[in-house]
Amino acid sequence: MPDATRLRDSTQLVLPRETLEELEPPLDEEFTLTVVPEGEKYYRIIGSPVEIKAASEFLARRGISIQ
């Protein structure tokens, strides 16, 4: 059985709202992802491991670090 933490890390990202709102093109237009508010300051981005990896690389190319 897979470790729940590892599975969660491969299927979602959490980013500050201002980071996500400044992206061009928007992340959810570039990839098959679901973006949901996470409190007032963050967005949770949910997708398949393949899409999350591609989105992480997209963000890294724009200088946005993912922890």
N, C-alpha and C. Protein backbone atom coordinates (compact mmCIF):
# COMPACT_ATOMS: atom_id res chain seq x y z
N MET A 1 0.83 -1.17 0.00
CA MET A 1 0.00 0.00 0.00
C MET A 1 0.88 1.24 0.00
N PRO A 2 0.59 2.22 -0.87
CA PRO A 2 1.43 3.42 -0.95
C PRO A 2 1.30 4.29 0.31
N ASP A 3 2.35 4.99 0.60
CA ASP A 3 2.36 5.94 1.71
C ASP A 3 1.47 7.14 1.35
N ALA A 4 0.51 7.48 2.20
CA ALA A 4 -0.45 8.55 1.91
C ALA A 4 0.24 9.90 1.71
N THR A 5 1.25 10.19 2.48
CA THR A 5 1.96 11.46 2.35
C THR A 5 2.64 11.56 0.99
N ARG A 6 3.27 10.50 0.57
CA ARG A 6 3.96 10.51 -0.72
C ARG A 6 2.96 10.65 -1.87
N LEU A 7 1.84 9.95 -1.77
CA LEU A 7 0.82 10.04 -2.79
C LEU A 7 0.26 11.46 -2.86
N ARG A 8 -0.04 12.07 -1.71
CA ARG A 8 -0.56 13.43 -1.67
C ARG A 8 0.43 14.40 -2.29
N ASP A 9 1.71 14.26 -1.97
CA ASP A 9 2.73 15.16 -2.51
C ASP A 9 2.85 15.05 -4.02
N SER A 10 2.51 13.90 -4.59
CA SER A 10 2.63 13.74 -6.03
C SER A 10 1.36 14.14 -6.77
N THR A 11 0.31 14.50 -6.04
CA THR A 11 -0.96 14.84 -6.70
C THR A 11 -1.46 16.24 -6.36
N GLN A 12 -0.69 17.02 -5.62
CA GLN A 12 -1.14 18.37 -5.32
C GLN A 12 0.02 19.31 -5.01
N LEU A 13 -0.25 20.59 -5.21
CA LEU A 13 0.67 21.67 -4.87
C LEU A 13 -0.14 22.71 -4.10
N VAL A 14 0.52 23.46 -3.25
CA VAL A 14 -0.12 24.59 -2.58
C VAL A 14 0.75 25.80 -2.87
N LEU A 15 0.11 26.84 -3.42
CA LEU A 15 0.83 28.06 -3.79
C LEU A 15 0.13 29.28 -3.21
N PRO A 16 0.91 30.32 -2.89
CA PRO A 16 0.29 31.58 -2.48
C PRO A 16 -0.59 32.12 -3.62
N ARG A 17 -1.69 32.74 -3.26
CA ARG A 17 -2.62 33.28 -4.26
C ARG A 17 -1.93 34.21 -5.24
N GLU A 18 -1.10 35.12 -4.74
CA GLU A 18 -0.48 36.11 -5.63
C GLU A 18 0.43 35.44 -6.66
N THR A 19 1.08 34.37 -6.29
CA THR A 19 1.94 33.64 -7.23
C THR A 19 1.12 33.07 -8.36
N LEU A 20 0.04 32.41 -8.03
CA LEU A 20 -0.79 31.78 -9.04
C LEU A 20 -1.52 32.80 -9.90
N GLU A 21 -1.97 33.89 -9.31
CA GLU A 21 -2.71 34.90 -10.06
C GLU A 21 -1.85 35.66 -11.05
N GLU A 22 -0.53 35.68 -10.85
CA GLU A 22 0.38 36.40 -11.74
C GLU A 22 0.85 35.57 -12.93
N LEU A 23 0.56 34.28 -12.95
CA LEU A 23 1.07 33.42 -14.02
C LEU A 23 0.37 33.67 -15.35
N GLU A 24 1.16 33.68 -16.40
CA GLU A 24 0.65 33.75 -17.76
C GLU A 24 1.38 32.70 -18.57
N PRO A 25 0.73 31.79 -19.22
CA PRO A 25 -0.70 31.53 -19.17
C PRO A 25 -1.07 30.93 -17.82
N PRO A 26 -2.35 31.03 -17.45
CA PRO A 26 -2.77 30.44 -16.18
C PRO A 26 -2.47 28.94 -16.13
N LEU A 27 -2.09 28.49 -14.98
CA LEU A 27 -1.68 27.10 -14.78
C LEU A 27 -2.78 26.11 -15.18
N ASP A 28 -4.03 26.43 -14.84
CA ASP A 28 -5.12 25.50 -15.15
C ASP A 28 -5.53 25.52 -16.62
N GLU A 29 -5.03 26.49 -17.39
CA GLU A 29 -5.25 26.48 -18.84
C GLU A 29 -4.15 25.69 -19.55
N GLU A 30 -3.00 25.64 -18.94
CA GLU A 30 -1.84 24.95 -19.52
C GLU A 30 -1.86 23.45 -19.22
N PHE A 31 -2.43 23.07 -18.08
CA PHE A 31 -2.42 21.68 -17.63
C PHE A 31 -3.82 21.27 -17.17
N THR A 32 -4.04 19.96 -17.08
CA THR A 32 -5.32 19.43 -16.59
C THR A 32 -5.24 19.36 -15.07
N LEU A 33 -5.67 20.44 -14.44
CA LEU A 33 -5.58 20.59 -12.99
C LEU A 33 -6.87 21.19 -12.44
N THR A 34 -7.09 20.98 -11.17
CA THR A 34 -8.18 21.63 -10.46
C THR A 34 -7.55 22.58 -9.46
N VAL A 35 -8.00 23.82 -9.46
CA VAL A 35 -7.48 24.83 -8.54
C VAL A 35 -8.59 25.23 -7.58
N VAL A 36 -8.33 25.06 -6.28
CA VAL A 36 -9.34 25.39 -5.27
C VAL A 36 -8.71 26.30 -4.22
N PRO A 37 -9.50 27.25 -3.69
CA PRO A 37 -8.99 28.12 -2.62
C PRO A 37 -8.64 27.30 -1.38
N GLU A 38 -7.57 27.67 -0.76
CA GLU A 38 -7.13 27.03 0.49
C GLU A 38 -6.95 28.17 1.50
N GLY A 39 -8.01 28.52 2.18
CA GLY A 39 -7.96 29.67 3.07
C GLY A 39 -7.95 30.95 2.24
N GLU A 40 -7.51 32.03 2.85
CA GLU A 40 -7.51 33.32 2.16
C GLU A 40 -6.21 33.61 1.42
N LYS A 41 -5.15 32.88 1.73
CA LYS A 41 -3.84 33.22 1.17
C LYS A 41 -3.29 32.22 0.17
N TYR A 42 -3.91 31.06 0.04
CA TYR A 42 -3.33 30.01 -0.79
C TYR A 42 -4.35 29.38 -1.74
N TYR A 43 -3.82 28.73 -2.76
CA TYR A 43 -4.60 27.86 -3.65
C TYR A 43 -4.01 26.47 -3.57
N ARG A 44 -4.87 25.47 -3.60
CA ARG A 44 -4.45 24.07 -3.69
C ARG A 44 -4.67 23.65 -5.13
N ILE A 45 -3.64 23.12 -5.76
CA ILE A 45 -3.69 22.66 -7.14
C ILE A 45 -3.64 21.14 -7.11
N ILE A 46 -4.66 20.52 -7.68
CA ILE A 46 -4.80 19.07 -7.61
C ILE A 46 -4.80 18.50 -9.02
N GLY A 47 -4.09 17.40 -9.22
CA GLY A 47 -4.05 16.74 -10.51
C GLY A 47 -3.35 15.40 -10.42
N SER A 48 -3.25 14.74 -11.55
CA SER A 48 -2.56 13.46 -11.60
C SER A 48 -1.07 13.68 -11.33
N PRO A 49 -0.35 12.64 -10.92
CA PRO A 49 1.09 12.80 -10.71
C PRO A 49 1.82 13.33 -11.95
N VAL A 50 1.40 12.92 -13.12
CA VAL A 50 2.03 13.38 -14.36
C VAL A 50 1.80 14.88 -14.55
N GLU A 51 0.57 15.33 -14.34
CA GLU A 51 0.24 16.75 -14.51
C GLU A 51 0.91 17.60 -13.43
N ILE A 52 0.96 17.11 -12.20
CA ILE A 52 1.61 17.86 -11.13
C ILE A 52 3.10 17.99 -11.41
N LYS A 53 3.73 16.95 -11.90
CA LYS A 53 5.16 17.02 -12.23
C LYS A 53 5.39 18.04 -13.35
N ALA A 54 4.56 18.00 -14.38
CA ALA A 54 4.69 18.96 -15.48
C ALA A 54 4.44 20.38 -15.00
N ALA A 55 3.45 20.57 -14.15
CA ALA A 55 3.16 21.90 -13.61
C ALA A 55 4.31 22.40 -12.74
N SER A 56 4.91 21.52 -11.96
CA SER A 56 6.06 21.88 -11.12
C SER A 56 7.23 22.34 -11.98
N GLU A 57 7.48 21.63 -13.08
CA GLU A 57 8.55 22.01 -14.00
C GLU A 57 8.24 23.35 -14.67
N PHE A 58 6.99 23.56 -15.06
CA PHE A 58 6.52 24.83 -15.64
C PHE A 58 6.81 25.97 -14.66
N LEU A 59 6.45 25.77 -13.39
CA LEU A 59 6.68 26.79 -12.38
C LEU A 59 8.17 27.03 -12.15
N ALA A 60 8.95 25.96 -12.11
CA ALA A 60 10.40 26.09 -11.90
C ALA A 60 11.05 26.90 -13.02
N ARG A 61 10.59 26.69 -14.26
CA ARG A 61 11.14 27.46 -15.38
C ARG A 61 10.82 28.95 -15.26
N ARG A 62 9.82 29.28 -14.47
CA ARG A 62 9.45 30.68 -14.24
C ARG A 62 9.99 31.20 -12.91
N GLY A 63 10.89 30.45 -12.30
CA GLY A 63 11.55 30.88 -11.07
C GLY A 63 10.74 30.71 -9.80
N ILE A 64 9.69 29.88 -9.85
CA ILE A 64 8.87 29.65 -8.68
C ILE A 64 9.28 28.30 -8.07
N SER A 65 9.77 28.35 -6.83
CA SER A 65 10.23 27.11 -6.21
C SER A 65 9.07 26.41 -5.52
N ILE A 66 9.06 25.10 -5.67
CA ILE A 66 8.07 24.25 -5.04
C ILE A 66 8.80 23.44 -3.99
N GLN A 67 8.27 23.46 -2.76
CA GLN A 67 8.92 22.72 -1.67
C GLN A 67 8.36 21.36 -1.54
